[in-house]
Amino acid sequence: MEHSGKAALLSAFDRLFERAIQKLNVQCTPQEKEEAKQYFADRYGEALKFLDEAGFPAFSESAMRYMEAAIDEVPLAHVAGHLAAGPLALQVREFMRALALRAAEQRLVEHLVTQADDTYGGN
């Protein structure tokens, strides 16, 4: 049976998501699982499209077992750290964006000052 690259990756996501919720000992409704899958597909849509074009194959069973084992080995403290870092990263990004905007405004003012006409005794 031939799989598209997108279908192969989403199938792997389903299996790994199941492993992750087992690891975290949380319950998810089918709707929540579908929402998580859709979020993944939306976030990585361009990559999924490329995988289709590149003929990305389904993962082998040994590759899936390896990825599941990787989930099993992640300390829960790392998961908590990742959750804590997400909102912080967003705040830092917003700060950096504001800082870059201020720097650009300053460069614009400096550029306008250097372009000012001082023909009639300007500073």
PDB file of N, CA and C in Angstrom:
ATOM      1  N   MET A   1       0.843  -1.177   0.000  1.00  0.00           N
ATOM      2  CA  MET A   1       0.000   0.000   0.000  1.00  0.00           C
ATOM      3  C   MET A   1       0.890   1.242   0.000  1.00  0.00           C
ATOM      4  N   GLU A   2       0.653   2.155  -0.907  1.00  0.00           N
ATOM      5  CA  GLU A   2       1.465   3.367  -1.028  1.00  0.00           C
ATOM      6  C   GLU A   2       0.877   4.460  -0.153  1.00  0.00           C
ATOM      7  N   HIS A   3       1.739   5.106   0.609  1.00  0.00           N
ATOM      8  CA  HIS A   3       1.346   6.196   1.491  1.00  0.00           C
ATOM      9  C   HIS A   3       1.903   7.502   0.953  1.00  0.00           C
ATOM     10  N   SER A   4       1.177   8.564   1.183  1.00  0.00           N
ATOM     11  CA  SER A   4       1.772   9.865   0.911  1.00  0.00           C
ATOM     12  C   SER A   4       2.682  10.189   2.082  1.00  0.00           C
ATOM     13  N   GLY A   5       3.606  11.086   1.863  1.00  0.00           N
ATOM     14  CA  GLY A   5       4.492  11.493   2.938  1.00  0.00           C
ATOM     15  C   GLY A   5       3.724  12.085   4.102  1.00  0.00           C
ATOM     16  N   LYS A   6       2.714  12.889   3.786  1.00  0.00           N
ATOM     17  CA  LYS A   6       1.899  13.498   4.832  1.00  0.00           C
ATOM     18  C   LYS A   6       1.174  12.423   5.633  1.00  0.00           C
ATOM     19  N   ALA A   7       0.583  11.471   4.956  1.00  0.00           N
ATOM     20  CA  ALA A   7      -0.135  10.401   5.648  1.00  0.00           C
ATOM     21  C   ALA A   7       0.807   9.582   6.521  1.00  0.00           C
ATOM     22  N   ALA A   8       2.017   9.330   6.033  1.00  0.00           N
ATOM     23  CA  ALA A   8       3.003   8.572   6.813  1.00  0.00           C
ATOM     24  C   ALA A   8       3.360   9.307   8.086  1.00  0.00           C
ATOM     25  N   LEU A   9       3.587  10.612   7.975  1.00  0.00           N
ATOM     26  CA  LEU A   9       3.973  11.380   9.152  1.00  0.00           C
ATOM     27  C   LEU A   9       2.809  11.519  10.138  1.00  0.00           C
ATOM     28  N   LEU A  10       1.608  11.735   9.630  1.00  0.00           N
ATOM     29  CA  LEU A  10       0.461  11.868  10.520  1.00  0.00           C
ATOM     30  C   LEU A  10       0.131  10.547  11.208  1.00  0.00           C
ATOM     31  N   SER A  11       0.351   9.448  10.518  1.00  0.00           N
ATOM     32  CA  SER A  11       0.162   8.130  11.137  1.00  0.00           C
ATOM     33  C   SER A  11       1.168   7.934  12.268  1.00  0.00           C
ATOM     34  N   ALA A  12       2.408   8.312  12.021  1.00  0.00           N
ATOM     35  CA  ALA A  12       3.433   8.222  13.063  1.00  0.00           C
ATOM     36  C   ALA A  12       3.079   9.154  14.222  1.00  0.00           C
ATOM     37  N   PHE A  13       2.576  10.340  13.911  1.00  0.00           N
ATOM     38  CA  PHE A  13       2.174  11.280  14.961  1.00  0.00           C
ATOM     39  C   PHE A  13       1.111  10.644  15.850  1.00  0.00           C
ATOM     40  N   ASP A  14       0.110  10.009  15.253  1.00  0.00           N
ATOM     41  CA  ASP A  14      -0.951   9.369  16.037  1.00  0.00           C
ATOM     42  C   ASP A  14      -0.366   8.368  17.034  1.00  0.00           C
ATOM     43  N   ARG A  15       0.512   7.533  16.552  1.00  0.00           N
ATOM     44  CA  ARG A  15       1.097   6.490  17.402  1.00  0.00           C
ATOM     45  C   ARG A  15       1.960   7.108  18.505  1.00  0.00           C
ATOM     46  N   LEU A  16       2.769   8.086  18.153  1.00  0.00           N
ATOM     47  CA  LEU A  16       3.639   8.718  19.141  1.00  0.00           C
ATOM     48  C   LEU A  16       2.846   9.572  20.128  1.00  0.00           C
ATOM     49  N   PHE A  17       1.763  10.160  19.671  1.00  0.00           N
ATOM     50  CA  PHE A  17       0.891  10.923  20.561  1.00  0.00           C
ATOM     51  C   PHE A  17       0.291   9.998  21.611  1.00  0.00           C
ATOM     52  N   GLU A  18      -0.147   8.834  21.191  1.00  0.00           N
ATOM     53  CA  GLU A  18      -0.682   7.845  22.130  1.00  0.00           C
ATOM     54  C   GLU A  18       0.371   7.487  23.171  1.00  0.00           C
ATOM     55  N   ARG A  19       1.596   7.272  22.718  1.00  0.00           N
ATOM     56  CA  ARG A  19       2.670   6.927  23.653  1.00  0.00           C
ATOM     57  C   ARG A  19       2.921   8.070  24.627  1.00  0.00           C
ATOM     58  N   ALA A  20       2.885   9.295  24.126  1.00  0.00           N
ATOM     59  CA  ALA A  20       3.133  10.467  24.966  1.00  0.00           C
ATOM     60  C   ALA A  20       2.052  10.626  26.034  1.00  0.00           C
ATOM     61  N   ILE A  21       0.788  10.445  25.663  1.00  0.00           N
ATOM     62  CA  ILE A  21      -0.259  10.608  26.676  1.00  0.00           C
ATOM     63  C   ILE A  21      -0.210   9.482  27.704  1.00  0.00           C
ATOM     64  N   GLN A  22       0.247   8.306  27.292  1.00  0.00           N
ATOM     65  CA  GLN A  22       0.458   7.232  28.269  1.00  0.00           C
ATOM     66  C   GLN A  22       1.569   7.618  29.235  1.00  0.00           C
ATOM     67  N   LYS A  23       2.654   8.144  28.698  1.00  0.00           N
ATOM     68  CA  LYS A  23       3.798   8.560  29.524  1.00  0.00           C
ATOM     69  C   LYS A  23       3.370   9.624  30.531  1.00  0.00           C
ATOM     70  N   LEU A  24       2.582  10.578  30.067  1.00  0.00           N
ATOM     71  CA  LEU A  24       2.149  11.681  30.927  1.00  0.00           C
ATOM     72  C   LEU A  24       0.981  11.305  31.828  1.00  0.00           C
ATOM     73  N   ASN A  25       0.414  10.138  31.576  1.00  0.00           N
ATOM     74  CA  ASN A  25      -0.727   9.646  32.358  1.00  0.00           C
ATOM     75  C   ASN A  25      -1.897  10.635  32.317  1.00  0.00           C
ATOM     76  N   VAL A  26      -2.216  11.074  31.110  1.00  0.00           N
ATOM     77  CA  VAL A  26      -3.345  11.984  30.911  1.00  0.00           C
ATOM     78  C   VAL A  26      -4.371  11.319  30.001  1.00  0.00           C
ATOM     79  N   GLN A  27      -5.587  11.800  30.121  1.00  0.00           N
ATOM     80  CA  GLN A  27      -6.668  11.313  29.280  1.00  0.00           C
ATOM     81  C   GLN A  27      -6.990  12.373  28.232  1.00  0.00           C
ATOM     82  N   CYS A  28      -7.202  11.941  27.019  1.00  0.00           N
ATOM     83  CA  CYS A  28      -7.601  12.852  25.941  1.00  0.00           C
ATOM     84  C   CYS A  28      -8.823  12.272  25.259  1.00  0.00           C
ATOM     85  N   THR A  29      -9.765  13.140  24.969  1.00  0.00           N
ATOM     86  CA  THR A  29     -10.932  12.710  24.201  1.00  0.00           C
ATOM     87  C   THR A  29     -10.508  12.549  22.747  1.00  0.00           C
ATOM     88  N   PRO A  30     -11.282  11.807  21.976  1.00  0.00           N
ATOM     89  CA  PRO A  30     -10.971  11.725  20.537  1.00  0.00           C
ATOM     90  C   PRO A  30     -10.913  13.099  19.875  1.00  0.00           C
ATOM     91  N   GLN A  31     -11.755  14.007  20.320  1.00  0.00           N
ATOM     92  CA  GLN A  31     -11.748  15.365  19.763  1.00  0.00           C
ATOM     93  C   GLN A  31     -10.438  16.071  20.101  1.00  0.00           C
ATOM     94  N   GLU A  32      -9.958  15.938  21.331  1.00  0.00           N
ATOM     95  CA  GLU A  32      -8.693  16.558  21.717  1.00  0.00           C
ATOM     96  C   GLU A  32      -7.525  15.970  20.928  1.00  0.00           C
ATOM     97  N   LYS A  33      -7.559  14.669  20.702  1.00  0.00           N
ATOM     98  CA  LYS A  33      -6.513  14.028  19.902  1.00  0.00           C
ATOM     99  C   LYS A  33      -6.534  14.564  18.483  1.00  0.00           C
ATOM    100  N   GLU A  34      -7.728  14.708  17.939  1.00  0.00           N
ATOM    101  CA  GLU A  34      -7.853  15.228  16.575  1.00  0.00           C
ATOM    102  C   GLU A  34      -7.392  16.676  16.502  1.00  0.00           C
ATOM    103  N   GLU A  35      -7.699  17.461  17.530  1.00  0.00           N
ATOM    104  CA  GLU A  35      -7.251  18.856  17.572  1.00  0.00           C
ATOM    105  C   GLU A  35      -5.724  18.926  17.633  1.00  0.00           C
ATOM    106  N   ALA A  36      -5.115  18.051  18.428  1.00  0.00           N
ATOM    107  CA  ALA A  36      -3.647  18.027  18.521  1.00  0.00           C
ATOM    108  C   ALA A  36      -3.038  17.657  17.172  1.00  0.00           C
ATOM    109  N   LYS A  37      -3.633  16.701  16.514  1.00  0.00           N
ATOM    110  CA  LYS A  37      -3.147  16.277  15.193  1.00  0.00           C
ATOM    111  C   LYS A  37      -3.308  17.409  14.182  1.00  0.00           C
ATOM    112  N   GLN A  38      -4.437  18.104  14.237  1.00  0.00           N
ATOM    113  CA  GLN A  38      -4.674  19.213  13.309  1.00  0.00           C
ATOM    114  C   GLN A  38      -3.707  20.351  13.584  1.00  0.00           C
ATOM    115  N   TYR A  39      -3.420  20.618  14.858  1.00  0.00           N
ATOM    116  CA  TYR A  39      -2.453  21.648  15.218  1.00  0.00           C
ATOM    117  C   TYR A  39      -1.089  21.289  14.634  1.00  0.00           C
ATOM    118  N   PHE A  40      -0.694  20.041  14.777  1.00  0.00           N
ATOM    119  CA  PHE A  40       0.575  19.572  14.211  1.00  0.00           C
ATOM    120  C   PHE A  40       0.576  19.763  12.693  1.00  0.00           C
ATOM    121  N   ALA A  41      -0.487  19.342  12.043  1.00  0.00           N
ATOM    122  CA  ALA A  41      -0.573  19.454  10.585  1.00  0.00           C
ATOM    123  C   ALA A  41      -0.543  20.909  10.127  1.00  0.00           C
ATOM    124  N   ASP A  42      -1.213  21.782  10.878  1.00  0.00           N
ATOM    125  CA  ASP A  42      -1.213  23.203  10.521  1.00  0.00           C
ATOM    126  C   ASP A  42       0.163  23.816  10.724  1.00  0.00           C
ATOM    127  N   ARG A  43       0.786  23.482  11.840  1.00  0.00           N
ATOM    128  CA  ARG A  43       2.088  24.063  12.163  1.00  0.00           C
ATOM    129  C   ARG A  43       3.168  23.632  11.177  1.00  0.00           C
ATOM    130  N   TYR A  44       3.103  22.397  10.735  1.00  0.00           N
ATOM    131  CA  TYR A  44       4.131  21.863   9.841  1.00  0.00           C
ATOM    132  C   TYR A  44       3.595  21.603   8.432  1.00  0.00           C
ATOM    133  N   GLY A  45       2.592  22.380   8.046  1.00  0.00           N
ATOM    134  CA  GLY A  45       1.936  22.181   6.760  1.00  0.00           C
ATOM    135  C   GLY A  45       2.873  22.219   5.569  1.00  0.00           C
ATOM    136  N   GLU A  46       3.781  23.187   5.550  1.00  0.00           N
ATOM    137  CA  GLU A  46       4.720  23.296   4.423  1.00  0.00           C
ATOM    138  C   GLU A  46       5.628  22.072   4.352  1.00  0.00           C
ATOM    139  N   ALA A  47       6.104  21.617   5.505  1.00  0.00           N
ATOM    140  CA  ALA A  47       6.965  20.428   5.529  1.00  0.00           C
ATOM    141  C   ALA A  47       6.183  19.197   5.074  1.00  0.00           C
ATOM    142  N   LEU A  48       4.938  19.092   5.510  1.00  0.00           N
ATOM    143  CA  LEU A  48       4.115  17.949   5.103  1.00  0.00           C
ATOM    144  C   LEU A  48       3.885  17.951   3.593  1.00  0.00           C
ATOM    145  N   LYS A  49       3.684  19.122   3.039  1.00  0.00           N
ATOM    146  CA  LYS A  49       3.497  19.248   1.590  1.00  0.00           C
ATOM    147  C   LYS A  49       4.771  18.799   0.863  1.00  0.00           C
ATOM    148  N   PHE A  50       5.917  19.234   1.379  1.00  0.00           N
ATOM    149  CA  PHE A  50       7.190  18.841   0.780  1.00  0.00           C
ATOM    150  C   PHE A  50       7.390  17.330   0.856  1.00  0.00           C
ATOM    151  N   LEU A  51       7.007  16.725   1.981  1.00  0.00           N
ATOM    152  CA  LEU A  51       7.161  15.275   2.132  1.00  0.00           C
ATOM    153  C   LEU A  51       6.358  14.526   1.071  1.00  0.00           C
ATOM    154  N   ASP A  52       5.177  15.030   0.766  1.00  0.00           N
ATOM    155  CA  ASP A  52       4.381  14.415  -0.304  1.00  0.00           C
ATOM    156  C   ASP A  52       5.120  14.495  -1.634  1.00  0.00           C
ATOM    157  N   GLU A  53       5.661  15.674  -1.919  1.00  0.00           N
ATOM    158  CA  GLU A  53       6.358  15.870  -3.189  1.00  0.00           C
ATOM    159  C   GLU A  53       7.625  15.032  -3.268  1.00  0.00           C
ATOM    160  N   ALA A  54       8.270  14.806  -2.125  1.00  0.00           N
ATOM    161  CA  ALA A  54       9.528  14.060  -2.098  1.00  0.00           C
ATOM    162  C   ALA A  54       9.326  12.553  -1.995  1.00  0.00           C
ATOM    163  N   GLY A  55       8.085  12.116  -1.848  1.00  0.00           N
ATOM    164  CA  GLY A  55       7.821  10.685  -1.740  1.00  0.00           C
ATOM    165  C   GLY A  55       8.302  10.075  -0.432  1.00  0.00           C
ATOM    166  N   PHE A  56       8.147  10.811   0.661  1.00  0.00           N
ATOM    167  CA  PHE A  56       8.576  10.348   1.986  1.00  0.00           C
ATOM    168  C   PHE A  56       7.863   9.033   2.318  1.00  0.00           C
ATOM    169  N   PRO A  57       8.619   8.006   2.693  1.00  0.00           N
ATOM    170  CA  PRO A  57       7.997   6.699   2.975  1.00  0.00           C
ATOM    171  C   PRO A  57       7.454   6.609   4.400  1.00  0.00           C
ATOM    172  N   ALA A  58       6.652   5.602   4.643  1.00  0.00           N
ATOM    173  CA  ALA A  58       6.183   5.322   5.998  1.00  0.00           C
ATOM    174  C   ALA A  58       7.381   4.905   6.846  1.00  0.00           C
ATOM    175  N   PHE A  59       7.302   5.159   8.142  1.00  0.00           N
ATOM    176  CA  PHE A  59       8.377   4.765   9.038  1.00  0.00           C
ATOM    177  C   PHE A  59       8.374   3.259   9.220  1.00  0.00           C
ATOM    178  N   SER A  60       9.559   2.699   9.328  1.00  0.00           N
ATOM    179  CA  SER A  60       9.666   1.262   9.607  1.00  0.00           C
ATOM    180  C   SER A  60       9.240   1.010  11.049  1.00  0.00           C
ATOM    181  N   GLU A  61       8.906  -0.233  11.342  1.00  0.00           N
ATOM    182  CA  GLU A  61       8.514  -0.591  12.701  1.00  0.00           C
ATOM    183  C   GLU A  61       9.664  -0.336  13.674  1.00  0.00           C
ATOM    184  N   SER A  62      10.886  -0.610  13.259  1.00  0.00           N
ATOM    185  CA  SER A  62      12.027  -0.378  14.158  1.00  0.00           C
ATOM    186  C   SER A  62      12.218   1.111  14.427  1.00  0.00           C
ATOM    187  N   ALA A  63      11.982   1.953  13.443  1.00  0.00           N
ATOM    188  CA  ALA A  63      12.084   3.402  13.651  1.00  0.00           C
ATOM    189  C   ALA A  63      11.002   3.871  14.615  1.00  0.00           C
ATOM    190  N   MET A  64       9.804   3.320  14.480  1.00  0.00           N
ATOM    191  CA  MET A  64       8.722   3.693  15.385  1.00  0.00           C
ATOM    192  C   MET A  64       9.042   3.268  16.814  1.00  0.00           C
ATOM    193  N   ARG A  65       9.557   2.073  16.986  1.00  0.00           N
ATOM    194  CA  ARG A  65       9.920   1.603  18.329  1.00  0.00           C
ATOM    195  C   ARG A  65      11.011   2.498  18.926  1.00  0.00           C
ATOM    196  N   TYR A  66      11.962   2.904  18.104  1.00  0.00           N
ATOM    197  CA  TYR A  66      13.035   3.793  18.570  1.00  0.00           C
ATOM    198  C   TYR A  66      12.454   5.127  19.047  1.00  0.00           C
ATOM    199  N   MET A  67      11.525   5.689  18.285  1.00  0.00           N
ATOM    200  CA  MET A  67      10.920   6.969  18.663  1.00  0.00           C
ATOM    201  C   MET A  67      10.058   6.819  19.916  1.00  0.00           C
ATOM    202  N   GLU A  68       9.357   5.702  20.027  1.00  0.00           N
ATOM    203  CA  GLU A  68       8.562   5.457  21.232  1.00  0.00           C
ATOM    204  C   GLU A  68       9.474   5.332  22.457  1.00  0.00           C
ATOM    205  N   ALA A  69      10.596   4.651  22.295  1.00  0.00           N
ATOM    206  CA  ALA A  69      11.554   4.513  23.396  1.00  0.00           C
ATOM    207  C   ALA A  69      12.104   5.881  23.793  1.00  0.00           C
ATOM    208  N   ALA A  70      12.307   6.745  22.812  1.00  0.00           N
ATOM    209  CA  ALA A  70      12.790   8.099  23.111  1.00  0.00           C
ATOM    210  C   ALA A  70      11.775   8.841  23.974  1.00  0.00           C
ATOM    211  N   ILE A  71      10.501   8.677  23.685  1.00  0.00           N
ATOM    212  CA  ILE A  71       9.457   9.301  24.508  1.00  0.00           C
ATOM    213  C   ILE A  71       9.508   8.737  25.917  1.00  0.00           C
ATOM    214  N   ASP A  72       9.657   7.424  26.016  1.00  0.00           N
ATOM    215  CA  ASP A  72       9.705   6.775  27.331  1.00  0.00           C
ATOM    216  C   ASP A  72      10.852   7.294  28.184  1.00  0.00           C
ATOM    217  N   GLU A  73      11.942   7.685  27.557  1.00  0.00           N
ATOM    218  CA  GLU A  73      13.143   8.099  28.284  1.00  0.00           C
ATOM    219  C   GLU A  73      13.169   9.584  28.653  1.00  0.00           C
ATOM    220  N   VAL A  74      12.262  10.366  28.123  1.00  0.00           N
ATOM    221  CA  VAL A  74      12.247  11.802  28.432  1.00  0.00           C
ATOM    222  C   VAL A  74      11.781  11.988  29.878  1.00  0.00           C
ATOM    223  N   PRO A  75      12.609  12.636  30.690  1.00  0.00           N
ATOM    224  CA  PRO A  75      12.170  12.901  32.069  1.00  0.00           C
ATOM    225  C   PRO A  75      10.982  13.867  32.080  1.00  0.00           C
ATOM    226  N   LEU A  76      10.036  13.626  32.978  1.00  0.00           N
ATOM    227  CA  LEU A  76       8.865  14.500  33.051  1.00  0.00           C
ATOM    228  C   LEU A  76       9.259  15.932  33.388  1.00  0.00           C
ATOM    229  N   ALA A  77      10.371  16.110  34.104  1.00  0.00           N
ATOM    230  CA  ALA A  77      10.841  17.469  34.391  1.00  0.00           C
ATOM    231  C   ALA A  77      11.194  18.207  33.097  1.00  0.00           C
ATOM    232  N   HIS A  78      11.691  17.499  32.096  1.00  0.00           N
ATOM    233  CA  HIS A  78      11.994  18.137  30.800  1.00  0.00           C
ATOM    234  C   HIS A  78      10.704  18.562  30.106  1.00  0.00           C
ATOM    235  N   VAL A  79       9.673  17.751  30.223  1.00  0.00           N
ATOM    236  CA  VAL A  79       8.377  18.110  29.641  1.00  0.00           C
ATOM    237  C   VAL A  79       7.851  19.367  30.325  1.00  0.00           C
ATOM    238  N   ALA A  80       7.935  19.409  31.664  1.00  0.00           N
ATOM    239  CA  ALA A  80       7.493  20.592  32.401  1.00  0.00           C
ATOM    240  C   ALA A  80       8.324  21.807  32.002  1.00  0.00           C
ATOM    241  N   GLY A  81       9.619  21.613  31.826  1.00  0.00           N
ATOM    242  CA  GLY A  81      10.482  22.710  31.396  1.00  0.00           C
ATOM    243  C   GLY A  81      10.099  23.233  30.024  1.00  0.00           C
ATOM    244  N   HIS A  82       9.765  22.325  29.134  1.00  0.00           N
ATOM    245  CA  HIS A  82       9.334  22.729  27.792  1.00  0.00           C
ATOM    246  C   HIS A  82       8.041  23.538  27.872  1.00  0.00           C
ATOM    247  N   LEU A  83       7.108  23.094  28.689  1.00  0.00           N
ATOM    248  CA  LEU A  83       5.851  23.831  28.839  1.00  0.00           C
ATOM    249  C   LEU A  83       6.087  25.213  29.442  1.00  0.00           C
ATOM    250  N   ALA A  84       6.997  25.298  30.390  1.00  0.00           N
ATOM    251  CA  ALA A  84       7.300  26.586  31.010  1.00  0.00           C
ATOM    252  C   ALA A  84       8.027  27.516  30.040  1.00  0.00           C
ATOM    253  N   ALA A  85       8.857  26.956  29.178  1.00  0.00           N
ATOM    254  CA  ALA A  85       9.650  27.771  28.259  1.00  0.00           C
ATOM    255  C   ALA A  85       8.811  28.384  27.141  1.00  0.00           C
ATOM    256  N   GLY A  86       7.739  27.727  26.741  1.00  0.00           N
ATOM    257  CA  GLY A  86       6.920  28.225  25.636  1.00  0.00           C
ATOM    258  C   GLY A  86       6.427  29.644  25.834  1.00  0.00           C
ATOM    259  N   PRO A  87       5.712  29.924  26.921  1.00  0.00           N
ATOM    260  CA  PRO A  87       5.240  31.300  27.141  1.00  0.00           C
ATOM    261  C   PRO A  87       6.384  32.298  27.312  1.00  0.00           C
ATOM    262  N   LEU A  88       7.475  31.850  27.933  1.00  0.00           N
ATOM    263  CA  LEU A  88       8.624  32.747  28.080  1.00  0.00           C
ATOM    264  C   LEU A  88       9.213  33.112  26.727  1.00  0.00           C
ATOM    265  N   ALA A  89       9.325  32.137  25.850  1.00  0.00           N
ATOM    266  CA  ALA A  89       9.864  32.397  24.517  1.00  0.00           C
ATOM    267  C   ALA A  89       8.996  33.399  23.769  1.00  0.00           C
ATOM    268  N   LEU A  90       7.686  33.293  23.922  1.00  0.00           N
ATOM    269  CA  LEU A  90       6.788  34.254  23.266  1.00  0.00           C
ATOM    270  C   LEU A  90       7.008  35.665  23.803  1.00  0.00           C
ATOM    271  N   GLN A  91       7.179  35.780  25.110  1.00  0.00           N
ATOM    272  CA  GLN A  91       7.412  37.101  25.705  1.00  0.00           C
ATOM    273  C   GLN A  91       8.743  37.678  25.248  1.00  0.00           C
ATOM    274  N   VAL A  92       9.767  36.863  25.210  1.00  0.00           N
ATOM    275  CA  VAL A  92      11.076  37.326  24.752  1.00  0.00           C
ATOM    276  C   VAL A  92      10.999  37.761  23.295  1.00  0.00           C
ATOM    277  N   ARG A  93      10.283  36.995  22.474  1.00  0.00           N
ATOM    278  CA  ARG A  93      10.134  37.361  21.065  1.00  0.00           C
ATOM    279  C   ARG A  93       9.448  38.712  20.930  1.00  0.00           C
ATOM    280  N   GLU A  94       8.405  38.949  21.708  1.00  0.00           N
ATOM    281  CA  GLU A  94       7.708  40.240  21.647  1.00  0.00           C
ATOM    282  C   GLU A  94       8.628  41.375  22.100  1.00  0.00           C
ATOM    283  N   PHE A  95       9.416  41.135  23.142  1.00  0.00           N
ATOM    284  CA  PHE A  95      10.366  42.147  23.602  1.00  0.00           C
ATOM    285  C   PHE A  95      11.387  42.446  22.514  1.00  0.00           C
ATOM    286  N   MET A  96      11.921  41.395  21.890  1.00  0.00           N
ATOM    287  CA  MET A  96      12.923  41.581  20.836  1.00  0.00           C
ATOM    288  C   MET A  96      12.326  42.317  19.644  1.00  0.00           C
ATOM    289  N   ARG A  97      11.095  42.025  19.325  1.00  0.00           N
ATOM    290  CA  ARG A  97      10.414  42.722  18.234  1.00  0.00           C
ATOM    291  C   ARG A  97      10.286  44.206  18.551  1.00  0.00           C
ATOM    292  N   ALA A  98       9.888  44.539  19.784  1.00  0.00           N
ATOM    293  CA  ALA A  98       9.760  45.944  20.181  1.00  0.00           C
ATOM    294  C   ALA A  98      11.127  46.620  20.173  1.00  0.00           C
ATOM    295  N   LEU A  99      12.143  45.921  20.636  1.00  0.00           N
ATOM    296  CA  LEU A  99      13.505  46.466  20.641  1.00  0.00           C
ATOM    297  C   LEU A  99      13.984  46.743  19.218  1.00  0.00           C
ATOM    298  N   ALA A 100      13.725  45.821  18.303  1.00  0.00           N
ATOM    299  CA  ALA A 100      14.120  46.006  16.904  1.00  0.00           C
ATOM    300  C   ALA A 100      13.373  47.188  16.283  1.00  0.00           C
ATOM    301  N   LEU A 101      12.106  47.335  16.636  1.00  0.00           N
ATOM    302  CA  LEU A 101      11.321  48.462  16.122  1.00  0.00           C
ATOM    303  C   LEU A 101      11.893  49.785  16.607  1.00  0.00           C
ATOM    304  N   ARG A 102      12.234  49.844  17.893  1.00  0.00           N
ATOM    305  CA  ARG A 102      12.832  51.084  18.419  1.00  0.00           C
ATOM    306  C   ARG A 102      14.162  51.388  17.737  1.00  0.00           C
ATOM    307  N   ALA A 103      14.974  50.368  17.514  1.00  0.00           N
ATOM    308  CA  ALA A 103      16.264  50.577  16.848  1.00  0.00           C
ATOM    309  C   ALA A 103      16.052  51.074  15.419  1.00  0.00           C
ATOM    310  N   ALA A 104      15.065  50.510  14.722  1.00  0.00           N
ATOM    311  CA  ALA A 104      14.776  50.949  13.356  1.00  0.00           C
ATOM    312  C   ALA A 104      14.275  52.388  13.341  1.00  0.00           C
ATOM    313  N   GLU A 105      13.431  52.727  14.313  1.00  0.00           N
ATOM    314  CA  GLU A 105      12.956  54.116  14.402  1.00  0.00           C
ATOM    315  C   GLU A 105      14.122  55.072  14.638  1.00  0.00           C
ATOM    316  N   GLN A 106      15.042  54.688  15.503  1.00  0.00           N
ATOM    317  CA  GLN A 106      16.211  55.526  15.797  1.00  0.00           C
ATOM    318  C   GLN A 106      17.063  55.720  14.547  1.00  0.00           C
ATOM    319  N   ARG A 107      17.278  54.623  13.795  1.00  0.00           N
ATOM    320  CA  ARG A 107      18.063  54.739  12.549  1.00  0.00           C
ATOM    321  C   ARG A 107      17.357  55.639  11.550  1.00  0.00           C
ATOM    322  N   LEU A 108      16.044  55.569  11.495  1.00  0.00           N
ATOM    323  CA  LEU A 108      15.287  56.419  10.585  1.00  0.00           C
ATOM    324  C   LEU A 108      15.454  57.888  10.972  1.00  0.00           C
ATOM    325  N   VAL A 109      15.333  58.187  12.240  1.00  0.00           N
ATOM    326  CA  VAL A 109      15.515  59.574  12.704  1.00  0.00           C
ATOM    327  C   VAL A 109      16.918  60.045  12.365  1.00  0.00           C
ATOM    328  N   GLU A 110      17.928  59.229  12.628  1.00  0.00           N
ATOM    329  CA  GLU A 110      19.310  59.607  12.327  1.00  0.00           C
ATOM    330  C   GLU A 110      19.495  59.834  10.830  1.00  0.00           C
ATOM    331  N   HIS A 111      18.878  59.002  10.017  1.00  0.00           N
ATOM    332  CA  HIS A 111      18.966  59.171   8.564  1.00  0.00           C
ATOM    333  C   HIS A 111      18.309  60.480   8.131  1.00  0.00           C
ATOM    334  N   LEU A 112      17.149  60.777   8.678  1.00  0.00           N
ATOM    335  CA  LEU A 112      16.458  62.022   8.325  1.00  0.00           C
ATOM    336  C   LEU A 112      17.266  63.240   8.753  1.00  0.00           C
ATOM    337  N   VAL A 113      17.912  63.145   9.907  1.00  0.00           N
ATOM    338  CA  VAL A 113      18.738  64.260  10.372  1.00  0.00           C
ATOM    339  C   VAL A 113      19.893  64.495   9.411  1.00  0.00           C
ATOM    340  N   THR A 114      20.517  63.437   8.935  1.00  0.00           N
ATOM    341  CA  THR A 114      21.650  63.610   8.016  1.00  0.00           C
ATOM    342  C   THR A 114      21.189  64.138   6.658  1.00  0.00           C
ATOM    343  N   GLN A 115      19.936  63.946   6.335  1.00  0.00           N
ATOM    344  CA  GLN A 115      19.413  64.414   5.055  1.00  0.00           C
ATOM    345  C   GLN A 115      18.837  65.826   5.134  1.00  0.00           C
ATOM    346  N   ALA A 116      18.769  66.375   6.325  1.00  0.00           N
ATOM    347  CA  ALA A 116      18.160  67.696   6.511  1.00  0.00           C
ATOM    348  C   ALA A 116      18.925  68.746   5.710  1.00  0.00           C
ATOM    349  N   ASP A 117      18.187  69.676   5.138  1.00  0.00           N
ATOM    350  CA  ASP A 117      18.759  70.757   4.345  1.00  0.00           C
ATOM    351  C   ASP A 117      19.263  71.852   5.279  1.00  0.00           C
ATOM    352  N   ASP A 118      20.556  72.084   5.270  1.00  0.00           N
ATOM    353  CA  ASP A 118      21.117  73.134   6.136  1.00  0.00           C
ATOM    354  C   ASP A 118      21.543  74.359   5.331  1.00  0.00           C
ATOM    355  N   THR A 119      20.941  74.543   4.162  1.00  0.00           N
ATOM    356  CA  THR A 119      21.271  75.659   3.286  1.00  0.00           C
ATOM    357  C   THR A 119      21.087  77.003   3.991  1.00  0.00           C
ATOM    358  N   TYR A 120      20.044  77.158   4.775  1.00  0.00           N
ATOM    359  CA  TYR A 120      19.742  78.456   5.395  1.00  0.00           C
ATOM    360  C   TYR A 120      20.142  78.479   6.870  1.00  0.00           C
ATOM    361  N   GLY A 121      21.243  77.868   7.206  1.00  0.00           N
ATOM    362  CA  GLY A 121      21.758  77.956   8.552  1.00  0.00           C
ATOM    363  C   GLY A 121      21.258  76.920   9.517  1.00  0.00           C
ATOM    364  N   GLY A 122      20.810  75.808   9.009  1.00  0.00           N
ATOM    365  CA  GLY A 122      20.368  74.743   9.908  1.00  0.00           C
ATOM    366  C   GLY A 122      21.531  74.223  10.718  1.00  0.00           C
ATOM    367  N   ASN A 123      21.261  73.459  11.725  1.00  0.00           N
ATOM    368  CA  ASN A 123      22.332  72.964  12.615  1.00  0.00           C
ATOM    369  C   ASN A 123      23.141  71.959  11.901  1.00  0.00           C
TER     370      ASN A 123
END
